[in-house]
Amino acid sequence: MNTLQLEQSKKYDRLINTLAVAIPVAVAVLLGIRRKVDLGEWTTYLPHLNAVINSATALLLLAGLYFIRQKNITAHRTAMLSAFTLGAVFLVSYVLYHLSNESTPFGGQGWVRPLYYFLLVSHIALSIGVVWFVLRAVYFALSGQYDRHRRVVRWAYPIWLYVSITGVIVYFMIAPYYQH
């Protein structure tokens, strides 16, 4: 039986590692496409939706922390799986927007400009890295490996929360420059 568990664990490790590389690479390739696809005017509203998704994700992450501290495992699981689902919806929405719309240049000047770029770059870099941690955290939780889940969540949770919050801040900083 242990051999079967070890083989399954290796299978899921490979899948998680593959996804953690494939997702950011696929997003980078899609974003690198120079010719935009006309998906319609509705896609210009996706950044606003993405800000709502990031806000809701941050609130769900905070709720998940609250519930686990209250030892309410069911509510914790619901909050965290909801945050995970919103992350997937965000990813699709983000790609659709950038596939069909030019990037919006930031128009701020003075001290706000380096602040914006610091937040943007740290947000993007950490959003790439957090994928691996979140996938492992979800896998460990769903497979009942709670000690391993807790160990990976020590890294995944603060990074994921930072990415969610900075996504909203970056949105509010660039929102005045969107063309509608």
N, C-alpha and C. Protein backbone atom coordinates (compact mmCIF):
# COMPACT_ATOMS: atom_id res chain seq x y z
N MET A 1 0.82 -1.20 0.00
CA MET A 1 0.00 0.00 0.00
C MET A 1 0.87 1.26 0.00
N ASN A 2 1.98 1.25 0.76
CA ASN A 2 2.87 2.42 0.79
C ASN A 2 3.47 2.71 -0.57
N THR A 3 3.76 1.65 -1.35
CA THR A 3 4.31 1.85 -2.68
C THR A 3 3.31 2.57 -3.56
N LEU A 4 2.02 2.19 -3.46
CA LEU A 4 0.98 2.84 -4.24
C LEU A 4 0.87 4.32 -3.86
N GLN A 5 0.92 4.63 -2.56
CA GLN A 5 0.86 6.02 -2.11
C GLN A 5 2.06 6.81 -2.61
N LEU A 6 3.23 6.22 -2.56
CA LEU A 6 4.45 6.88 -3.01
C LEU A 6 4.37 7.16 -4.51
N GLU A 7 3.88 6.18 -5.29
CA GLU A 7 3.73 6.37 -6.73
C GLU A 7 2.73 7.48 -7.03
N GLN A 8 1.61 7.50 -6.30
CA GLN A 8 0.60 8.54 -6.50
C GLN A 8 1.16 9.90 -6.11
N SER A 9 1.93 9.95 -5.01
CA SER A 9 2.54 11.20 -4.57
C SER A 9 3.49 11.72 -5.64
N LYS A 10 4.30 10.84 -6.21
CA LYS A 10 5.23 11.25 -7.27
C LYS A 10 4.47 11.74 -8.50
N LYS A 11 3.36 11.06 -8.81
CA LYS A 11 2.53 11.47 -9.95
C LYS A 11 1.99 12.88 -9.74
N TYR A 12 1.48 13.15 -8.55
CA TYR A 12 0.93 14.47 -8.27
C TYR A 12 2.02 15.53 -8.17
N ASP A 13 3.18 15.16 -7.65
CA ASP A 13 4.32 16.10 -7.62
C ASP A 13 4.69 16.51 -9.04
N ARG A 14 4.75 15.54 -9.95
CA ARG A 14 5.08 15.84 -11.35
C ARG A 14 4.01 16.74 -11.96
N LEU A 15 2.75 16.44 -11.69
CA LEU A 15 1.66 17.25 -12.24
C LEU A 15 1.72 18.68 -11.71
N ILE A 16 1.93 18.84 -10.41
CA ILE A 16 2.02 20.17 -9.80
C ILE A 16 3.22 20.93 -10.36
N ASN A 17 4.36 20.28 -10.45
CA ASN A 17 5.56 20.93 -10.98
C ASN A 17 5.35 21.34 -12.44
N THR A 18 4.71 20.48 -13.21
CA THR A 18 4.44 20.79 -14.62
C THR A 18 3.50 21.99 -14.73
N LEU A 19 2.42 21.97 -13.97
CA LEU A 19 1.46 23.08 -14.01
C LEU A 19 2.09 24.39 -13.53
N ALA A 20 2.93 24.30 -12.50
CA ALA A 20 3.56 25.51 -11.95
C ALA A 20 4.50 26.17 -12.95
N VAL A 21 5.01 25.40 -13.89
CA VAL A 21 5.84 25.96 -14.96
C VAL A 21 4.98 26.30 -16.18
N ALA A 22 4.08 25.39 -16.54
CA ALA A 22 3.30 25.56 -17.76
C ALA A 22 2.35 26.76 -17.70
N ILE A 23 1.74 27.01 -16.56
CA ILE A 23 0.79 28.12 -16.46
C ILE A 23 1.47 29.46 -16.72
N PRO A 24 2.54 29.81 -15.99
CA PRO A 24 3.19 31.09 -16.28
C PRO A 24 3.78 31.17 -17.70
N VAL A 25 4.31 30.08 -18.21
CA VAL A 25 4.86 30.09 -19.57
C VAL A 25 3.74 30.32 -20.58
N ALA A 26 2.62 29.62 -20.41
CA ALA A 26 1.49 29.79 -21.33
C ALA A 26 0.97 31.23 -21.28
N VAL A 27 0.87 31.78 -20.08
CA VAL A 27 0.41 33.17 -19.95
C VAL A 27 1.40 34.12 -20.63
N ALA A 28 2.69 33.91 -20.43
CA ALA A 28 3.70 34.77 -21.05
C ALA A 28 3.63 34.68 -22.58
N VAL A 29 3.45 33.48 -23.10
CA VAL A 29 3.35 33.31 -24.55
C VAL A 29 2.11 34.02 -25.08
N LEU A 30 0.99 33.82 -24.41
CA LEU A 30 -0.25 34.47 -24.84
C LEU A 30 -0.15 35.99 -24.77
N LEU A 31 0.51 36.49 -23.72
CA LEU A 31 0.66 37.94 -23.59
C LEU A 31 1.63 38.49 -24.61
N GLY A 32 2.54 37.65 -25.08
CA GLY A 32 3.53 38.08 -26.05
C GLY A 32 3.01 38.17 -27.48
N ILE A 33 1.80 37.69 -27.70
CA ILE A 33 1.22 37.76 -29.04
C ILE A 33 0.98 39.22 -29.40
N ARG A 34 1.62 39.68 -30.47
CA ARG A 34 1.56 41.09 -30.87
C ARG A 34 0.20 41.47 -31.45
N ARG A 35 -0.35 40.58 -32.24
CA ARG A 35 -1.63 40.88 -32.89
C ARG A 35 -2.76 40.48 -31.95
N LYS A 36 -3.54 41.45 -31.56
CA LYS A 36 -4.63 41.21 -30.61
C LYS A 36 -5.83 40.59 -31.33
N VAL A 37 -6.55 39.76 -30.59
CA VAL A 37 -7.73 39.08 -31.10
C VAL A 37 -8.95 39.91 -30.71
N ASP A 38 -9.83 40.17 -31.67
CA ASP A 38 -11.02 40.96 -31.37
C ASP A 38 -12.09 40.05 -30.76
N LEU A 39 -12.21 40.14 -29.44
CA LEU A 39 -13.22 39.36 -28.73
C LEU A 39 -14.44 40.20 -28.37
N GLY A 40 -14.38 41.47 -28.72
CA GLY A 40 -15.51 42.35 -28.47
C GLY A 40 -15.20 43.40 -27.41
N GLU A 41 -16.07 44.39 -27.37
CA GLU A 41 -15.93 45.51 -26.44
C GLU A 41 -16.01 45.08 -24.97
N TRP A 42 -16.73 43.99 -24.71
CA TRP A 42 -16.92 43.54 -23.33
C TRP A 42 -15.60 43.26 -22.62
N THR A 43 -14.55 42.93 -23.38
CA THR A 43 -13.28 42.61 -22.74
C THR A 43 -12.63 43.82 -22.08
N THR A 44 -13.04 45.04 -22.47
CA THR A 44 -12.46 46.23 -21.85
C THR A 44 -12.89 46.37 -20.39
N TYR A 45 -13.90 45.63 -19.98
CA TYR A 45 -14.37 45.67 -18.59
C TYR A 45 -13.68 44.62 -17.70
N LEU A 46 -12.88 43.77 -18.30
CA LEU A 46 -12.25 42.69 -17.54
C LEU A 46 -11.30 43.18 -16.45
N PRO A 47 -10.53 44.26 -16.64
CA PRO A 47 -9.69 44.72 -15.52
C PRO A 47 -10.52 45.06 -14.27
N HIS A 48 -11.71 45.59 -14.47
CA HIS A 48 -12.58 45.91 -13.33
C HIS A 48 -13.04 44.62 -12.64
N LEU A 49 -13.40 43.64 -13.47
CA LEU A 49 -13.77 42.33 -12.93
C LEU A 49 -12.60 41.71 -12.18
N ASN A 50 -11.41 41.83 -12.75
CA ASN A 50 -10.22 41.26 -12.11
C ASN A 50 -9.95 41.90 -10.74
N ALA A 51 -10.20 43.19 -10.63
CA ALA A 51 -10.03 43.87 -9.33
C ALA A 51 -11.05 43.33 -8.32
N VAL A 52 -12.27 43.08 -8.77
CA VAL A 52 -13.28 42.50 -7.88
C VAL A 52 -12.88 41.09 -7.47
N ILE A 53 -12.38 40.32 -8.43
CA ILE A 53 -11.94 38.95 -8.13
C ILE A 53 -10.79 38.98 -7.13
N ASN A 54 -9.80 39.85 -7.35
CA ASN A 54 -8.67 39.94 -6.41
C ASN A 54 -9.13 40.38 -5.02
N SER A 55 -10.08 41.31 -4.97
CA SER A 55 -10.61 41.76 -3.68
C SER A 55 -11.32 40.61 -2.96
N ALA A 56 -12.16 39.90 -3.71
CA ALA A 56 -12.89 38.77 -3.12
C ALA A 56 -11.93 37.68 -2.68
N THR A 57 -10.89 37.45 -3.46
CA THR A 57 -9.89 36.43 -3.09
C THR A 57 -9.21 36.82 -1.78
N ALA A 58 -8.81 38.07 -1.66
CA ALA A 58 -8.17 38.53 -0.41
C ALA A 58 -9.11 38.35 0.77
N LEU A 59 -10.37 38.70 0.59
CA LEU A 59 -11.35 38.53 1.69
C LEU A 59 -11.54 37.06 2.04
N LEU A 60 -11.59 36.20 1.02
CA LEU A 60 -11.72 34.76 1.29
C LEU A 60 -10.48 34.21 1.99
N LEU A 61 -9.31 34.69 1.61
CA LEU A 61 -8.08 34.25 2.29
C LEU A 61 -8.11 34.65 3.76
N LEU A 62 -8.53 35.87 4.03
CA LEU A 62 -8.64 36.32 5.43
C LEU A 62 -9.70 35.53 6.17
N ALA A 63 -10.82 35.24 5.51
CA ALA A 63 -11.86 34.42 6.14
C ALA A 63 -11.34 33.02 6.41
N GLY A 64 -10.59 32.47 5.47
CA GLY A 64 -10.01 31.13 5.65
C GLY A 64 -9.10 31.08 6.85
N LEU A 65 -8.28 32.11 7.04
CA LEU A 65 -7.41 32.19 8.21
C LEU A 65 -8.24 32.27 9.50
N TYR A 66 -9.25 33.10 9.48
CA TYR A 66 -10.13 33.23 10.65
C TYR A 66 -10.77 31.88 10.98
N PHE A 67 -11.31 31.20 9.97
CA PHE A 67 -12.01 29.93 10.21
C PHE A 67 -11.07 28.86 10.74
N ILE A 68 -9.85 28.79 10.22
CA ILE A 68 -8.94 27.75 10.70
C ILE A 68 -8.51 28.05 12.13
N ARG A 69 -8.39 29.31 12.47
CA ARG A 69 -8.05 29.66 13.86
C ARG A 69 -9.19 29.35 14.81
N GLN A 70 -10.43 29.35 14.27
CA GLN A 70 -11.60 28.97 15.07
C GLN A 70 -11.82 27.46 15.03
N LYS A 71 -10.94 26.75 14.33
CA LYS A 71 -11.02 25.30 14.14
C LYS A 71 -12.29 24.87 13.40
N ASN A 72 -12.79 25.74 12.55
CA ASN A 72 -13.95 25.44 11.72
C ASN A 72 -13.42 24.98 10.36
N ILE A 73 -13.09 23.69 10.29
CA ILE A 73 -12.44 23.12 9.11
C ILE A 73 -13.33 23.23 7.87
N THR A 74 -14.61 22.98 8.02
CA THR A 74 -15.53 23.02 6.88
C THR A 74 -15.58 24.42 6.26
N ALA A 75 -15.73 25.44 7.09
CA ALA A 75 -15.78 26.82 6.58
C ALA A 75 -14.42 27.21 6.00
N HIS A 76 -13.33 26.78 6.64
CA HIS A 76 -11.99 27.05 6.13
C HIS A 76 -11.83 26.45 4.73
N ARG A 77 -12.20 25.20 4.60
CA ARG A 77 -12.07 24.52 3.31
C ARG A 77 -12.89 25.24 2.24
N THR A 78 -14.11 25.61 2.58
CA THR A 78 -14.97 26.32 1.62
C THR A 78 -14.35 27.64 1.20
N ALA A 79 -13.85 28.40 2.17
CA ALA A 79 -13.24 29.70 1.85
C ALA A 79 -12.01 29.52 0.97
N MET A 80 -11.17 28.57 1.30
CA MET A 80 -9.93 28.41 0.57
C MET A 80 -10.16 27.84 -0.84
N LEU A 81 -11.08 26.87 -0.96
CA LEU A 81 -11.38 26.35 -2.29
C LEU A 81 -12.08 27.40 -3.15
N SER A 82 -12.86 28.26 -2.51
CA SER A 82 -13.48 29.37 -3.25
C SER A 82 -12.41 30.34 -3.73
N ALA A 83 -11.42 30.64 -2.89
CA ALA A 83 -10.31 31.51 -3.29
C ALA A 83 -9.53 30.88 -4.44
N PHE A 84 -9.31 29.59 -4.36
CA PHE A 84 -8.60 28.86 -5.42
C PHE A 84 -9.39 28.93 -6.74
N THR A 85 -10.70 28.75 -6.66
CA THR A 85 -11.55 28.82 -7.85
C THR A 85 -11.52 30.23 -8.44
N LEU A 86 -11.60 31.24 -7.59
CA LEU A 86 -11.51 32.62 -8.09
C LEU A 86 -10.17 32.87 -8.76
N GLY A 87 -9.11 32.26 -8.24
CA GLY A 87 -7.79 32.39 -8.88
C GLY A 87 -7.81 31.85 -10.30
N ALA A 88 -8.49 30.73 -10.51
CA ALA A 88 -8.60 30.17 -11.86
C ALA A 88 -9.44 31.07 -12.77
N VAL A 89 -10.53 31.61 -12.23
CA VAL A 89 -11.37 32.53 -13.00
C VAL A 89 -10.57 33.79 -13.35
N PHE A 90 -9.82 34.31 -12.39
CA PHE A 90 -8.97 35.47 -12.64
C PHE A 90 -8.01 35.19 -13.78
N LEU A 91 -7.36 34.05 -13.74
CA LEU A 91 -6.37 33.70 -14.76
C LEU A 91 -6.99 33.74 -16.16
N VAL A 92 -8.16 33.15 -16.31
CA VAL A 92 -8.85 33.14 -17.60
C VAL A 92 -9.20 34.57 -18.01
N SER A 93 -9.75 35.35 -17.10
CA SER A 93 -10.13 36.73 -17.39
C SER A 93 -8.92 37.58 -17.76
N TYR A 94 -7.84 37.41 -17.03
CA TYR A 94 -6.60 38.16 -17.29
C TYR A 94 -6.07 37.86 -18.69
N VAL A 95 -6.03 36.58 -19.04
CA VAL A 95 -5.53 36.20 -20.36
C VAL A 95 -6.45 36.73 -21.46
N LEU A 96 -7.77 36.62 -21.27
CA LEU A 96 -8.70 37.13 -22.27
C LEU A 96 -8.52 38.63 -22.49
N TYR A 97 -8.33 39.36 -21.40
CA TYR A 97 -8.14 40.80 -21.54
C TYR A 97 -6.87 41.11 -22.33
N HIS A 98 -5.76 40.51 -21.94
CA HIS A 98 -4.48 40.82 -22.59
C HIS A 98 -4.35 40.22 -23.98
N LEU A 99 -5.13 39.21 -24.27
CA LEU A 99 -5.17 38.63 -25.60
C LEU A 99 -5.89 39.56 -26.58
N SER A 100 -6.81 40.36 -26.04
CA SER A 100 -7.66 41.17 -26.92
C SER A 100 -7.45 42.68 -26.77
N ASN A 101 -6.63 43.11 -25.84
CA ASN A 101 -6.43 44.55 -25.61
C ASN A 101 -4.95 44.85 -25.42
N GLU A 102 -4.54 46.01 -25.91
CA GLU A 102 -3.17 46.47 -25.69
C GLU A 102 -2.98 46.76 -24.20
N SER A 103 -1.77 46.62 -23.73
CA SER A 103 -1.47 46.98 -22.34
C SER A 103 -1.63 48.47 -22.15
N THR A 104 -2.10 48.84 -21.00
CA THR A 104 -2.32 50.25 -20.68
C THR A 104 -1.05 50.81 -20.05
N PRO A 105 -0.47 51.87 -20.63
CA PRO A 105 0.72 52.46 -20.01
C PRO A 105 0.33 53.25 -18.76
N PHE A 106 1.18 53.20 -17.77
CA PHE A 106 0.95 53.96 -16.54
C PHE A 106 1.34 55.41 -16.79
N GLY A 107 0.44 56.32 -16.44
CA GLY A 107 0.68 57.73 -16.71
C GLY A 107 1.10 58.55 -15.50
N GLY A 108 1.22 57.91 -14.36
CA GLY A 108 1.59 58.65 -13.15
C GLY A 108 3.01 59.17 -13.21
N GLN A 109 3.25 60.27 -12.51
CA GLN A 109 4.58 60.89 -12.48
C GLN A 109 5.02 61.08 -11.03
N GLY A 110 6.29 61.41 -10.86
CA GLY A 110 6.82 61.68 -9.53
C GLY A 110 7.04 60.40 -8.73
N TRP A 111 6.91 60.51 -7.42
CA TRP A 111 7.20 59.39 -6.51
C TRP A 111 6.26 58.21 -6.70
N VAL A 112 5.06 58.44 -7.27
CA VAL A 112 4.09 57.36 -7.44
C VAL A 112 4.52 56.39 -8.54
N ARG A 113 5.30 56.88 -9.48
CA ARG A 113 5.73 56.03 -10.60
C ARG A 113 6.60 54.86 -10.14
N PRO A 114 7.70 55.11 -9.40
CA PRO A 114 8.49 53.95 -8.93
C PRO A 114 7.70 53.06 -7.96
N LEU A 115 6.82 53.66 -7.18
CA LEU A 115 5.98 52.86 -6.28
C LEU A 115 5.09 51.92 -7.10
N TYR A 116 4.47 52.45 -8.13
CA TYR A 116 3.61 51.63 -9.01
C TYR A 116 4.41 50.47 -9.60
N TYR A 117 5.57 50.77 -10.15
CA TYR A 117 6.35 49.71 -10.80
C TYR A 117 6.90 48.70 -9.79
N PHE A 118 7.25 49.15 -8.59
CA PHE A 118 7.66 48.20 -7.56
C PHE A 118 6.52 47.24 -7.24
N LEU A 119 5.32 47.79 -7.02
CA LEU A 119 4.16 46.95 -6.70
C LEU A 119 3.82 46.02 -7.87
N LEU A 120 3.87 46.55 -9.08
CA LEU A 120 3.55 45.74 -10.26
C LEU A 120 4.54 44.59 -10.44
N VAL A 121 5.82 44.91 -10.38
CA VAL A 121 6.85 43.87 -10.60
C VAL A 121 6.81 42.83 -9.49
N SER A 122 6.69 43.27 -8.24
CA SER A 122 6.63 42.30 -7.14
C SER A 122 5.35 41.47 -7.24
N HIS A 123 4.25 42.09 -7.64
CA HIS A 123 2.98 41.38 -7.82
C HIS A 123 3.13 40.29 -8.89
N ILE A 124 3.69 40.65 -10.04
CA ILE A 124 3.85 39.69 -11.14
C ILE A 124 4.80 38.57 -10.74
N ALA A 125 5.96 38.92 -10.20
CA ALA A 125 6.96 37.90 -9.83
C ALA A 125 6.40 36.93 -8.80
N LEU A 126 5.75 37.46 -7.78
CA LEU A 126 5.21 36.58 -6.74
C LEU A 126 4.00 35.80 -7.23
N SER A 127 3.24 36.36 -8.16
CA SER A 127 2.09 35.60 -8.70
C SER A 127 2.56 34.38 -9.49
N ILE A 128 3.72 34.49 -10.10
CA ILE A 128 4.30 33.34 -10.81
C ILE A 128 4.75 32.29 -9.80
N GLY A 129 5.47 32.72 -8.79
CA GLY A 129 6.01 31.78 -7.80
C GLY A 129 4.97 31.14 -6.91
N VAL A 130 3.87 31.84 -6.65
CA VAL A 130 2.89 31.31 -5.70
C VAL A 130 2.09 30.14 -6.28
N VAL A 131 2.07 30.02 -7.59
CA VAL A 131 1.30 28.93 -8.21
C VAL A 131 1.72 27.58 -7.64
N TRP A 132 3.01 27.33 -7.58
CA TRP A 132 3.53 26.05 -7.08
C TRP A 132 3.10 25.82 -5.64
N PHE A 133 3.23 26.85 -4.80
CA PHE A 133 2.87 26.73 -3.40
C PHE A 133 1.38 26.46 -3.22
N VAL A 134 0.55 27.18 -3.94
CA VAL A 134 -0.90 27.03 -3.80
C VAL A 134 -1.34 25.64 -4.28
N LEU A 135 -0.82 25.21 -5.41
CA LEU A 135 -1.18 23.87 -5.90
C LEU A 135 -0.79 22.79 -4.89
N ARG A 136 0.38 22.93 -4.29
CA ARG A 136 0.80 21.95 -3.28
C ARG A 136 -0.08 22.03 -2.03
N ALA A 137 -0.39 23.24 -1.61
CA ALA A 137 -1.23 23.41 -0.42
C ALA A 137 -2.59 22.76 -0.62
N VAL A 138 -3.18 22.99 -1.78
CA VAL A 138 -4.49 22.41 -2.08
C VAL A 138 -4.38 20.88 -2.15
N TYR A 139 -3.37 20.39 -2.84
CA TYR A 139 -3.19 18.94 -2.94
C TYR A 139 -3.01 18.30 -1.56
N PHE A 140 -2.14 18.87 -0.74
CA PHE A 140 -1.91 18.30 0.59
C PHE A 140 -3.17 18.31 1.44
N ALA A 141 -3.94 19.39 1.35
CA ALA A 141 -5.17 19.46 2.13
C ALA A 141 -6.18 18.42 1.65
N LEU A 142 -6.38 18.35 0.34
CA LEU A 142 -7.38 17.42 -0.20
C LEU A 142 -6.98 15.96 -0.02
N SER A 143 -5.67 15.71 0.06
CA SER A 143 -5.22 14.33 0.25
C SER A 143 -5.00 13.98 1.72
N GLY A 144 -5.37 14.89 2.62
CA GLY A 144 -5.29 14.61 4.05
C GLY A 144 -3.89 14.68 4.63
N GLN A 145 -2.94 15.27 3.92
CA GLN A 145 -1.57 15.41 4.42
C GLN A 145 -1.45 16.76 5.13
N TYR A 146 -2.09 16.85 6.29
CA TYR A 146 -2.27 18.14 6.96
C TYR A 146 -0.97 18.75 7.48
N ASP A 147 -0.01 17.92 7.91
CA ASP A 147 1.28 18.47 8.35
C ASP A 147 2.01 19.13 7.18
N ARG A 148 2.00 18.45 6.06
CA ARG A 148 2.65 19.02 4.86
C ARG A 148 1.89 20.25 4.38
N HIS A 149 0.56 20.20 4.49
CA HIS A 149 -0.28 21.35 4.12
C HIS A 149 0.12 22.57 4.95
N ARG A 150 0.21 22.39 6.25
CA ARG A 150 0.57 23.51 7.14
C ARG A 150 1.96 24.06 6.81
N ARG A 151 2.90 23.18 6.50
CA ARG A 151 4.26 23.64 6.18
C ARG A 151 4.29 24.49 4.92
N VAL A 152 3.58 24.06 3.88
CA VAL A 152 3.62 24.83 2.63
C VAL A 152 2.77 26.10 2.74
N VAL A 153 1.73 26.07 3.56
CA VAL A 153 0.86 27.24 3.71
C VAL A 153 1.61 28.39 4.40
N ARG A 154 2.61 28.08 5.19
CA ARG A 154 3.41 29.14 5.82
C ARG A 154 4.02 30.06 4.77
N TRP A 155 4.29 29.52 3.59
CA TRP A 155 4.82 30.31 2.49
C TRP A 155 3.70 30.76 1.56
N ALA A 156 2.82 29.84 1.21
CA ALA A 156 1.78 30.13 0.22
C ALA A 156 0.84 31.24 0.67
N TYR A 157 0.39 31.18 1.90
CA TYR A 157 -0.64 32.11 2.36
C TYR A 157 -0.19 33.58 2.29
N PRO A 158 0.93 33.97 2.91
CA PRO A 158 1.28 35.39 2.85
C PRO A 158 1.59 35.88 1.43
N ILE A 159 2.17 35.01 0.61
CA ILE A 159 2.46 35.40 -0.77
C ILE A 159 1.15 35.59 -1.54
N TRP A 160 0.24 34.65 -1.40
CA TRP A 160 -1.04 34.72 -2.10
C TRP A 160 -1.84 35.95 -1.66
N LEU A 161 -1.84 36.21 -0.37
CA LEU A 161 -2.54 37.39 0.14
C LEU A 161 -1.90 38.67 -0.41
N TYR A 162 -0.58 38.74 -0.41
CA TYR A 162 0.12 39.90 -0.97
C TYR A 162 -0.24 40.09 -2.44
N VAL A 163 -0.22 39.02 -3.21
CA VAL A 163 -0.54 39.09 -4.64
C VAL A 163 -1.97 39.58 -4.84
N SER A 164 -2.89 39.09 -4.05
CA SER A 164 -4.29 39.51 -4.18
C SER A 164 -4.45 40.99 -3.85
N ILE A 165 -3.84 41.43 -2.77
CA ILE A 165 -3.98 42.83 -2.35
C ILE A 165 -3.27 43.78 -3.31
N THR A 166 -2.05 43.43 -3.70
CA THR A 166 -1.32 44.31 -4.62
C THR A 166 -1.99 44.36 -6.00
N GLY A 167 -2.66 43.28 -6.38
CA GLY A 167 -3.41 43.31 -7.63
C GLY A 167 -4.47 44.41 -7.62
N VAL A 168 -5.14 44.57 -6.49
CA VAL A 168 -6.17 45.61 -6.35
C VAL A 168 -5.52 46.99 -6.31
N ILE A 169 -4.43 47.12 -5.58
CA ILE A 169 -3.75 48.42 -5.50
C ILE A 169 -3.25 48.86 -6.87
N VAL A 170 -2.63 47.95 -7.60
CA VAL A 170 -2.13 48.25 -8.94
C VAL A 170 -3.29 48.64 -9.85
N TYR A 171 -4.41 47.93 -9.72
CA TYR A 171 -5.59 48.29 -10.53
C TYR A 171 -6.02 49.73 -10.25
N PHE A 172 -6.14 50.10 -8.98
CA PHE A 172 -6.58 51.47 -8.66
C PHE A 172 -5.57 52.51 -9.13
N MET A 173 -4.29 52.15 -9.14
CA MET A 173 -3.28 53.10 -9.59
C MET A 173 -3.31 53.31 -11.10
N ILE A 174 -3.65 52.26 -11.86
CA ILE A 174 -3.64 52.39 -13.33
C ILE A 174 -5.03 52.66 -13.90
N ALA A 175 -6.08 52.46 -13.13
CA ALA A 175 -7.45 52.62 -13.63
C ALA A 175 -7.71 53.96 -14.32
N PRO A 176 -7.16 55.07 -13.84
CA PRO A 176 -7.44 56.35 -14.53
C PRO A 176 -6.90 56.40 -15.96
N TYR A 177 -6.02 55.48 -16.32
CA TYR A 177 -5.38 55.53 -17.64
C TYR A 177 -5.98 54.53 -18.64
N TYR A 178 -6.97 53.75 -18.20
CA TYR A 178 -7.64 52.83 -19.13
C TYR A 178 -8.42 53.60 -20.17
N GLN A 179 -8.38 53.13 -21.40
CA GLN A 179 -9.16 53.72 -22.49
C GLN A 179 -10.46 52.93 -22.61
N HIS A 180 -11.59 53.63 -22.61
CA HIS A 180 -12.89 52.95 -22.77
C HIS A 180 -13.60 53.45 -23.97
